[in-house]
Amino acid sequence: MDLTADTTGVHILTPAAGDGGDRTSFGHADRGTAQLTCAG
């Protein structure tokens, strides 16, 4: 899946994951092979 975002003016990009709305402290996030590509 491709995701495109306008990051104009961004100096720090921090990947984050929430609790998914279930308010449990036992969740986890798997970013797999996430990649950030800059174009332009």
PDB file of N, CA and C in Angstrom:
ATOM      1  N   MET A   1       0.843  -1.164   0.000  1.00  0.00           N
ATOM      2  CA  MET A   1       0.000   0.000   0.000  1.00  0.00           C
ATOM      3  C   MET A   1       0.895   1.235   0.000  1.00  0.00           C
ATOM      4  N   ASP A   2       0.585   2.175  -0.843  1.00  0.00           N
ATOM      5  CA  ASP A   2       1.311   3.445  -0.897  1.00  0.00           C
ATOM      6  C   ASP A   2       0.512   4.503  -0.161  1.00  0.00           C
ATOM      7  N   LEU A   3       1.218   5.349   0.542  1.00  0.00           N
ATOM      8  CA  LEU A   3       0.618   6.472   1.258  1.00  0.00           C
ATOM      9  C   LEU A   3       1.393   7.715   0.861  1.00  0.00           C
ATOM     10  N   THR A   4       0.684   8.749   0.457  1.00  0.00           N
ATOM     11  CA  THR A   4       1.314  10.007   0.070  1.00  0.00           C
ATOM     12  C   THR A   4       0.869  11.094   1.025  1.00  0.00           C
ATOM     13  N   ALA A   5       1.826  11.888   1.505  1.00  0.00           N
ATOM     14  CA  ALA A   5       1.504  12.981   2.427  1.00  0.00           C
ATOM     15  C   ALA A   5       2.356  14.198   2.083  1.00  0.00           C
ATOM     16  N   ASP A   6       1.747  15.364   2.136  1.00  0.00           N
ATOM     17  CA  ASP A   6       2.475  16.613   1.915  1.00  0.00           C
ATOM     18  C   ASP A   6       3.199  16.965   3.209  1.00  0.00           C
ATOM     19  N   THR A   7       4.505  16.877   3.194  1.00  0.00           N
ATOM     20  CA  THR A   7       5.301  17.162   4.393  1.00  0.00           C
ATOM     21  C   THR A   7       6.059  18.483   4.256  1.00  0.00           C
ATOM     22  N   THR A   8       5.538  19.380   3.440  1.00  0.00           N
ATOM     23  CA  THR A   8       6.155  20.692   3.262  1.00  0.00           C
ATOM     24  C   THR A   8       6.295  21.389   4.612  1.00  0.00           C
ATOM     25  N   GLY A   9       7.494  21.832   4.930  1.00  0.00           N
ATOM     26  CA  GLY A   9       7.741  22.545   6.170  1.00  0.00           C
ATOM     27  C   GLY A   9       7.990  21.648   7.373  1.00  0.00           C
ATOM     28  N   VAL A  10       7.900  20.340   7.201  1.00  0.00           N
ATOM     29  CA  VAL A  10       8.128  19.418   8.315  1.00  0.00           C
ATOM     30  C   VAL A  10       9.627  19.247   8.530  1.00  0.00           C
ATOM     31  N   HIS A  11      10.066  19.358   9.770  1.00  0.00           N
ATOM     32  CA  HIS A  11      11.474  19.183  10.101  1.00  0.00           C
ATOM     33  C   HIS A  11      11.719  17.852  10.805  1.00  0.00           C
ATOM     34  N   ILE A  12      10.743  17.361  11.545  1.00  0.00           N
ATOM     35  CA  ILE A  12      10.868  16.084  12.248  1.00  0.00           C
ATOM     36  C   ILE A  12       9.614  15.259  11.964  1.00  0.00           C
ATOM     37  N   LEU A  13       9.796  14.030  11.506  1.00  0.00           N
ATOM     38  CA  LEU A  13       8.688  13.123  11.225  1.00  0.00           C
ATOM     39  C   LEU A  13       8.819  11.933  12.167  1.00  0.00           C
ATOM     40  N   THR A  14       7.850  11.763  13.045  1.00  0.00           N
ATOM     41  CA  THR A  14       7.904  10.712  14.058  1.00  0.00           C
ATOM     42  C   THR A  14       6.780   9.703  13.849  1.00  0.00           C
ATOM     43  N   PRO A  15       7.115   8.463  13.508  1.00  0.00           N
ATOM     44  CA  PRO A  15       6.069   7.448  13.390  1.00  0.00           C
ATOM     45  C   PRO A  15       5.520   7.114  14.774  1.00  0.00           C
ATOM     46  N   ALA A  16       4.214   7.008  14.884  1.00  0.00           N
ATOM     47  CA  ALA A  16       3.591   6.731  16.176  1.00  0.00           C
ATOM     48  C   ALA A  16       2.407   5.789  15.985  1.00  0.00           C
ATOM     49  N   ALA A  17       2.071   5.061  17.036  1.00  0.00           N
ATOM     50  CA  ALA A  17       0.909   4.168  17.010  1.00  0.00           C
ATOM     51  C   ALA A  17       0.120   4.365  18.297  1.00  0.00           C
ATOM     52  N   GLY A  18      -1.204   4.404  18.170  1.00  0.00           N
ATOM     53  CA  GLY A  18      -2.064   4.561  19.339  1.00  0.00           C
ATOM     54  C   GLY A  18      -2.549   3.210  19.849  1.00  0.00           C
ATOM     55  N   ASP A  19      -3.529   3.240  20.727  1.00  0.00           N
ATOM     56  CA  ASP A  19      -4.029   2.005  21.335  1.00  0.00           C
ATOM     57  C   ASP A  19      -5.161   1.364  20.544  1.00  0.00           C
ATOM     58  N   GLY A  20      -5.509   1.924  19.394  1.00  0.00           N
ATOM     59  CA  GLY A  20      -6.575   1.363  18.574  1.00  0.00           C
ATOM     60  C   GLY A  20      -7.958   1.585  19.139  1.00  0.00           C
ATOM     61  N   GLY A  21      -8.056   2.395  20.188  1.00  0.00           N
ATOM     62  CA  GLY A  21      -9.349   2.715  20.777  1.00  0.00           C
ATOM     63  C   GLY A  21      -9.813   1.745  21.839  1.00  0.00           C
ATOM     64  N   ASP A  22      -9.029   0.692  22.100  1.00  0.00           N
ATOM     65  CA  ASP A  22      -9.484  -0.290  23.083  1.00  0.00           C
ATOM     66  C   ASP A  22      -8.899  -0.061  24.482  1.00  0.00           C
ATOM     67  N   ARG A  23      -8.125   0.989  24.623  1.00  0.00           N
ATOM     68  CA  ARG A  23      -7.563   1.419  25.908  1.00  0.00           C
ATOM     69  C   ARG A  23      -6.827   0.311  26.673  1.00  0.00           C
ATOM     70  N   THR A  24      -6.166  -0.555  25.959  1.00  0.00           N
ATOM     71  CA  THR A  24      -5.396  -1.609  26.609  1.00  0.00           C
ATOM     72  C   THR A  24      -3.915  -1.261  26.558  1.00  0.00           C
ATOM     73  N   SER A  25      -3.173  -1.709  27.515  1.00  0.00           N
ATOM     74  CA  SER A  25      -1.738  -1.428  27.542  1.00  0.00           C
ATOM     75  C   SER A  25      -0.937  -2.587  26.951  1.00  0.00           C
ATOM     76  N   PHE A  26      -1.621  -3.558  26.347  1.00  0.00           N
ATOM     77  CA  PHE A  26      -0.923  -4.728  25.827  1.00  0.00           C
ATOM     78  C   PHE A  26      -0.859  -4.740  24.298  1.00  0.00           C
ATOM     79  N   GLY A  27      -1.190  -3.634  23.654  1.00  0.00           N
ATOM     80  CA  GLY A  27      -1.153  -3.560  22.199  1.00  0.00           C
ATOM     81  C   GLY A  27       0.271  -3.427  21.683  1.00  0.00           C
ATOM     82  N   HIS A  28       0.436  -3.575  20.384  1.00  0.00           N
ATOM     83  CA  HIS A  28       1.736  -3.376  19.755  1.00  0.00           C
ATOM     84  C   HIS A  28       1.518  -2.886  18.330  1.00  0.00           C
ATOM     85  N   ALA A  29       2.577  -2.372  17.742  1.00  0.00           N
ATOM     86  CA  ALA A  29       2.528  -1.921  16.348  1.00  0.00           C
ATOM     87  C   ALA A  29       3.642  -2.621  15.587  1.00  0.00           C
ATOM     88  N   ASP A  30       3.339  -3.043  14.381  1.00  0.00           N
ATOM     89  CA  ASP A  30       4.326  -3.691  13.519  1.00  0.00           C
ATOM     90  C   ASP A  30       4.444  -2.857  12.254  1.00  0.00           C
ATOM     91  N   ARG A  31       5.555  -2.187  12.113  1.00  0.00           N
ATOM     92  CA  ARG A  31       5.750  -1.318  10.946  1.00  0.00           C
ATOM     93  C   ARG A  31       6.281  -2.092   9.740  1.00  0.00           C
ATOM     94  N   GLY A  32       6.564  -3.374   9.933  1.00  0.00           N
ATOM     95  CA  GLY A  32       7.002  -4.211   8.819  1.00  0.00           C
ATOM     96  C   GLY A  32       8.206  -3.631   8.110  1.00  0.00           C
ATOM     97  N   THR A  33       8.091  -3.423   6.833  1.00  0.00           N
ATOM     98  CA  THR A  33       9.197  -2.886   6.027  1.00  0.00           C
ATOM     99  C   THR A  33       8.864  -1.473   5.554  1.00  0.00           C
ATOM    100  N   ALA A  34       8.352  -0.668   6.452  1.00  0.00           N
ATOM    101  CA  ALA A  34       7.985   0.715   6.101  1.00  0.00           C
ATOM    102  C   ALA A  34       9.195   1.457   5.569  1.00  0.00           C
ATOM    103  N   GLN A  35       8.976   2.261   4.529  1.00  0.00           N
ATOM    104  CA  GLN A  35      10.029   3.056   3.928  1.00  0.00           C
ATOM    105  C   GLN A  35       9.549   4.481   3.714  1.00  0.00           C
ATOM    106  N   LEU A  36      10.442   5.428   3.852  1.00  0.00           N
ATOM    107  CA  LEU A  36      10.145   6.832   3.581  1.00  0.00           C
ATOM    108  C   LEU A  36      10.961   7.244   2.368  1.00  0.00           C
ATOM    109  N   THR A  37      10.291   7.735   1.335  1.00  0.00           N
ATOM    110  CA  THR A  37      10.943   8.143   0.102  1.00  0.00           C
ATOM    111  C   THR A  37      10.659   9.621  -0.153  1.00  0.00           C
ATOM    112  N   CYS A  38      11.707  10.373  -0.380  1.00  0.00           N
ATOM    113  CA  CYS A  38      11.560  11.802  -0.668  1.00  0.00           C
ATOM    114  C   CYS A  38      11.653  12.007  -2.183  1.00  0.00           C
ATOM    115  N   ALA A  39      10.726  12.782  -2.715  1.00  0.00           N
ATOM    116  CA  ALA A  39      10.711  13.057  -4.152  1.00  0.00           C
ATOM    117  C   ALA A  39      10.705  14.562  -4.371  1.00  0.00           C
ATOM    118  N   GLY A  40      11.236  14.968  -5.479  1.00  0.00           N
ATOM    119  CA  GLY A  40      11.136  16.367  -5.813  1.00  0.00           C
ATOM    120  C   GLY A  40      12.359  17.057  -6.111  1.00  0.00           C
TER     121      GLY A  40
END
